[in-house]
Amino acid sequence: MLFADSSFVGNEEKYFFDKFQLFGLTVKIEWQCVNELNQIACILASRINNVAGKLEKATVRRLAETFIGIVAEMVHKIRLQQVKHSRRNIEIVMQFINLLAEHIAENRSPSHYAQQLNISPVYLNEVVKKVTGMNVTSYIKNELVLQAKRLLVHTDLTVKEISNSLGIDDYAYFTRIFTRMVGMSPNAFRQCNLK
């Protein structure tokens, strides 16, 4: 399963993509959507190499968000035709994803989420790994870093404020986790993705 950096993907779109990736689909895309995506991709391609300042970066970011939004609309409209995993496993993973999105700042313990779902931590880990290709702990860390990236890109909060909002009081620990997973510090990530 492929996991891409989705810092620019909003929460609503992320929900559709998360759900979409759990299913094996045959996708038929309307020509109008293909044309719209091609036009936006062409504009993005011509602008991406000429980004000089904050205003240009903001425009490129909004174009990327528009592209993602159109793709999310298509995903939302697609009728699910072929299920890769059992409905029960998909239901468990979607409930886990929703709980995690709501409570990641308060609790990042796999056993907490297993208890909320009335299943064992071992079973939760087994199901999440089977469906997403990642164990629960890795999924939680990825989600934490993704939320941090979104806050870095879309807000003016300091790194310390972001760390606190994600439930990590030790700012240095948060910076180490982020840097290890992303390959650059939170401040460097923000500089690369200025609004």
Protein backbone atom coordinates (compact mmCIF):
# COMPACT_ATOMS: atom_id res chain seq x y z
CA MET A 1 0.00 0.00 0.00
CA LEU A 2 1.32 3.43 -0.93
CA PHE A 3 1.36 6.24 1.61
CA ALA A 4 2.06 9.70 0.24
CA ASP A 5 2.77 12.90 2.11
CA SER A 6 -0.64 14.44 2.48
CA SER A 7 0.22 17.69 4.28
CA PHE A 8 -1.90 19.65 1.82
CA VAL A 9 -4.88 17.31 2.04
CA GLY A 10 -7.70 18.57 4.24
CA ASN A 11 -9.35 16.35 6.85
CA GLU A 12 -12.50 15.75 4.79
CA GLU A 13 -10.52 14.78 1.69
CA LYS A 14 -8.19 12.60 3.79
CA TYR A 15 -11.23 10.68 5.08
CA PHE A 16 -12.30 9.88 1.50
CA PHE A 17 -8.77 8.83 0.51
CA ASP A 18 -8.39 6.68 3.64
CA LYS A 19 -11.65 4.93 2.87
CA PHE A 20 -10.81 4.63 -0.82
CA GLN A 21 -7.45 2.95 -0.19
CA LEU A 22 -9.15 0.18 1.78
CA PHE A 23 -10.97 -1.05 -1.31
CA GLY A 24 -9.84 -2.51 -4.61
CA LEU A 25 -11.62 -0.43 -7.20
CA THR A 26 -12.24 -0.24 -10.90
CA VAL A 27 -12.33 3.46 -11.58
CA LYS A 28 -14.01 5.19 -14.50
CA ILE A 29 -13.14 8.88 -14.66
CA GLU A 30 -15.33 11.34 -16.57
CA TRP A 31 -13.58 13.28 -19.35
CA GLN A 32 -14.60 16.60 -17.81
CA CYS A 33 -12.70 15.75 -14.61
CA VAL A 34 -9.69 14.55 -16.60
CA ASN A 35 -9.66 17.84 -18.54
CA GLU A 36 -9.97 19.91 -15.34
CA LEU A 37 -7.13 17.98 -13.70
CA ASN A 38 -4.97 18.34 -16.81
CA GLN A 39 -5.53 22.11 -16.87
CA ILE A 40 -4.65 22.50 -13.19
CA ALA A 41 -1.62 20.21 -13.59
CA CYS A 42 -0.38 22.33 -16.51
CA ILE A 43 -0.77 25.55 -14.49
CA LEU A 44 0.98 23.92 -11.53
CA ALA A 45 3.82 22.68 -13.73
CA SER A 46 4.41 26.13 -15.21
CA ARG A 47 4.25 27.89 -11.83
CA ILE A 48 6.12 25.42 -9.63
CA ASN A 49 9.55 26.32 -11.01
CA ASN A 50 8.92 30.06 -10.74
CA VAL A 51 8.07 30.22 -7.06
CA ALA A 52 10.00 33.14 -5.65
CA GLY A 53 8.04 34.51 -2.73
CA LYS A 54 5.37 33.85 -0.19
CA LEU A 55 2.52 34.92 -2.48
CA GLU A 56 3.61 32.57 -5.27
CA LYS A 57 4.00 29.68 -2.82
CA ALA A 58 0.48 30.34 -1.51
CA THR A 59 -0.91 30.26 -5.05
CA VAL A 60 0.86 26.99 -5.85
CA ARG A 61 -0.39 25.50 -2.57
CA ARG A 62 -3.99 26.52 -3.38
CA LEU A 63 -3.70 25.06 -6.88
CA ALA A 64 -2.42 21.80 -5.38
CA GLU A 65 -5.29 21.81 -2.87
CA THR A 66 -7.78 22.37 -5.74
CA PHE A 67 -6.29 19.43 -7.65
CA ILE A 68 -6.57 17.24 -4.54
CA GLY A 69 -10.13 18.45 -3.93
CA ILE A 70 -11.24 17.42 -7.42
CA VAL A 71 -9.64 14.00 -6.99
CA ALA A 72 -11.39 13.67 -3.61
CA GLU A 73 -14.73 14.51 -5.26
CA MET A 74 -14.14 11.75 -7.81
CA VAL A 75 -13.22 9.26 -5.11
CA HIS A 76 -16.34 10.19 -3.18
CA LYS A 77 -18.55 9.58 -6.24
CA ILE A 78 -17.05 6.20 -7.11
CA ARG A 79 -19.27 3.27 -6.30
CA LEU A 80 -17.39 0.59 -4.42
CA GLN A 81 -17.33 -2.45 -6.66
CA GLN A 82 -14.84 -4.93 -5.27
CA VAL A 83 -13.79 -5.28 -1.65
CA LYS A 84 -10.18 -6.28 -0.93
CA HIS A 85 -10.77 -6.91 2.78
CA SER A 86 -13.63 -8.19 4.87
CA ARG A 87 -16.25 -5.62 5.80
CA ARG A 88 -15.52 -6.25 9.48
CA ASN A 89 -11.81 -5.47 9.04
CA ILE A 90 -12.59 -2.32 7.07
CA GLU A 91 -15.10 -1.26 9.72
CA ILE A 92 -12.51 -1.76 12.49
CA VAL A 93 -9.84 0.20 10.60
CA MET A 94 -12.21 3.08 9.78
CA GLN A 95 -13.37 3.26 13.42
CA PHE A 96 -9.72 3.23 14.54
CA ILE A 97 -8.84 6.01 12.05
CA ASN A 98 -11.79 8.13 13.20
CA LEU A 99 -10.98 7.63 16.91
CA LEU A 100 -7.34 8.42 16.27
CA ALA A 101 -8.20 11.64 14.43
CA GLU A 102 -10.35 12.76 17.36
CA HIS A 103 -8.09 11.70 20.24
CA ILE A 104 -4.49 11.62 19.04
CA ALA A 105 -3.57 14.62 21.21
CA GLU A 106 -4.92 12.91 24.34
CA ASN A 107 -3.82 9.33 23.77
CA ARG A 108 -1.42 7.56 21.42
CA SER A 109 -1.50 4.13 23.04
CA PRO A 110 -2.59 1.24 20.78
CA SER A 111 -4.20 -0.49 23.77
CA HIS A 112 -6.39 2.59 24.39
CA TYR A 113 -7.85 2.36 20.87
CA ALA A 114 -8.26 -1.40 21.11
CA GLN A 115 -10.19 -0.93 24.36
CA GLN A 116 -12.39 1.73 22.71
CA LEU A 117 -13.19 -0.75 19.94
CA ASN A 118 -13.76 -3.64 22.39
CA ILE A 119 -11.06 -5.78 20.82
CA SER A 120 -7.60 -6.90 21.95
CA PRO A 121 -4.52 -4.82 21.07
CA VAL A 122 -3.08 -7.84 19.24
CA TYR A 123 -6.21 -8.18 17.09
CA LEU A 124 -6.30 -4.43 16.36
CA ASN A 125 -2.66 -4.55 15.29
CA GLU A 126 -3.31 -7.61 13.11
CA VAL A 127 -6.30 -6.01 11.36
CA VAL A 128 -4.66 -2.60 10.85
CA LYS A 129 -1.50 -4.23 9.46
CA LYS A 130 -3.52 -6.50 7.15
CA VAL A 131 -5.57 -3.60 5.75
CA THR A 132 -3.05 -0.72 5.71
CA GLY A 133 0.28 -2.51 5.63
CA MET A 134 1.39 -0.72 8.82
CA ASN A 135 1.22 -1.75 12.45
CA VAL A 136 -0.84 0.38 14.84
CA THR A 137 2.15 2.12 16.43
CA SER A 138 3.54 3.17 13.03
CA TYR A 139 0.12 4.33 11.89
CA ILE A 140 -0.26 6.48 15.02
CA LYS A 141 3.21 8.04 14.55
CA ASN A 142 2.48 8.76 10.89
CA GLU A 143 -0.83 10.40 11.78
CA LEU A 144 0.85 12.50 14.47
CA VAL A 145 3.49 13.74 12.04
CA LEU A 146 0.86 14.35 9.36
CA GLN A 147 -1.16 16.54 11.74
CA ALA A 148 2.03 18.40 12.68
CA LYS A 149 2.79 18.99 8.98
CA ARG A 150 -0.70 20.35 8.41
CA LEU A 151 -0.35 22.73 11.34
CA LEU A 152 3.07 23.84 10.10
CA VAL A 153 1.72 24.50 6.60
CA HIS A 154 -1.68 25.98 7.44
CA THR A 155 -1.13 27.93 10.67
CA ASP A 156 1.27 30.42 12.20
CA LEU A 157 1.57 28.44 15.44
CA THR A 158 5.09 28.06 16.77
CA VAL A 159 6.61 24.57 16.78
CA LYS A 160 6.27 24.53 20.57
CA GLU A 161 2.55 25.43 20.30
CA ILE A 162 2.05 22.69 17.71
CA SER A 163 3.82 20.21 19.96
CA ASN A 164 1.56 21.18 22.86
CA SER A 165 -1.60 21.03 20.71
CA LEU A 166 -0.67 17.46 19.76
CA GLY A 167 -0.32 16.51 23.41
CA ILE A 168 3.47 16.42 23.53
CA ASP A 169 4.75 18.67 26.32
CA ASP A 170 8.42 17.98 25.61
CA TYR A 171 9.16 20.22 22.62
CA ALA A 172 12.61 18.66 22.06
CA TYR A 173 11.12 15.15 21.96
CA PHE A 174 8.51 16.28 19.41
CA THR A 175 11.24 17.86 17.25
CA ARG A 176 13.30 14.63 17.36
CA ILE A 177 10.31 12.48 16.32
CA PHE A 178 9.39 14.88 13.51
CA THR A 179 12.97 15.16 12.23
CA ARG A 180 13.52 11.39 12.32
CA MET A 181 10.33 10.69 10.36
CA VAL A 182 10.43 13.60 7.89
CA GLY A 183 14.16 14.01 7.40
CA MET A 184 14.14 17.67 8.38
CA SER A 185 13.23 19.76 11.39
CA PRO A 186 9.73 21.25 11.78
CA ASN A 187 11.11 24.75 11.08
CA ALA A 188 12.90 23.55 7.93
CA PHE A 189 9.69 21.83 6.77
CA ARG A 190 7.74 25.06 7.29
CA GLN A 191 10.33 27.07 5.36
CA CYS A 192 10.04 24.64 2.42
CA ASN A 193 6.26 24.95 2.45
CA LEU A 194 5.68 28.61 3.34
CA LYS A 195 2.11 29.76 3.06
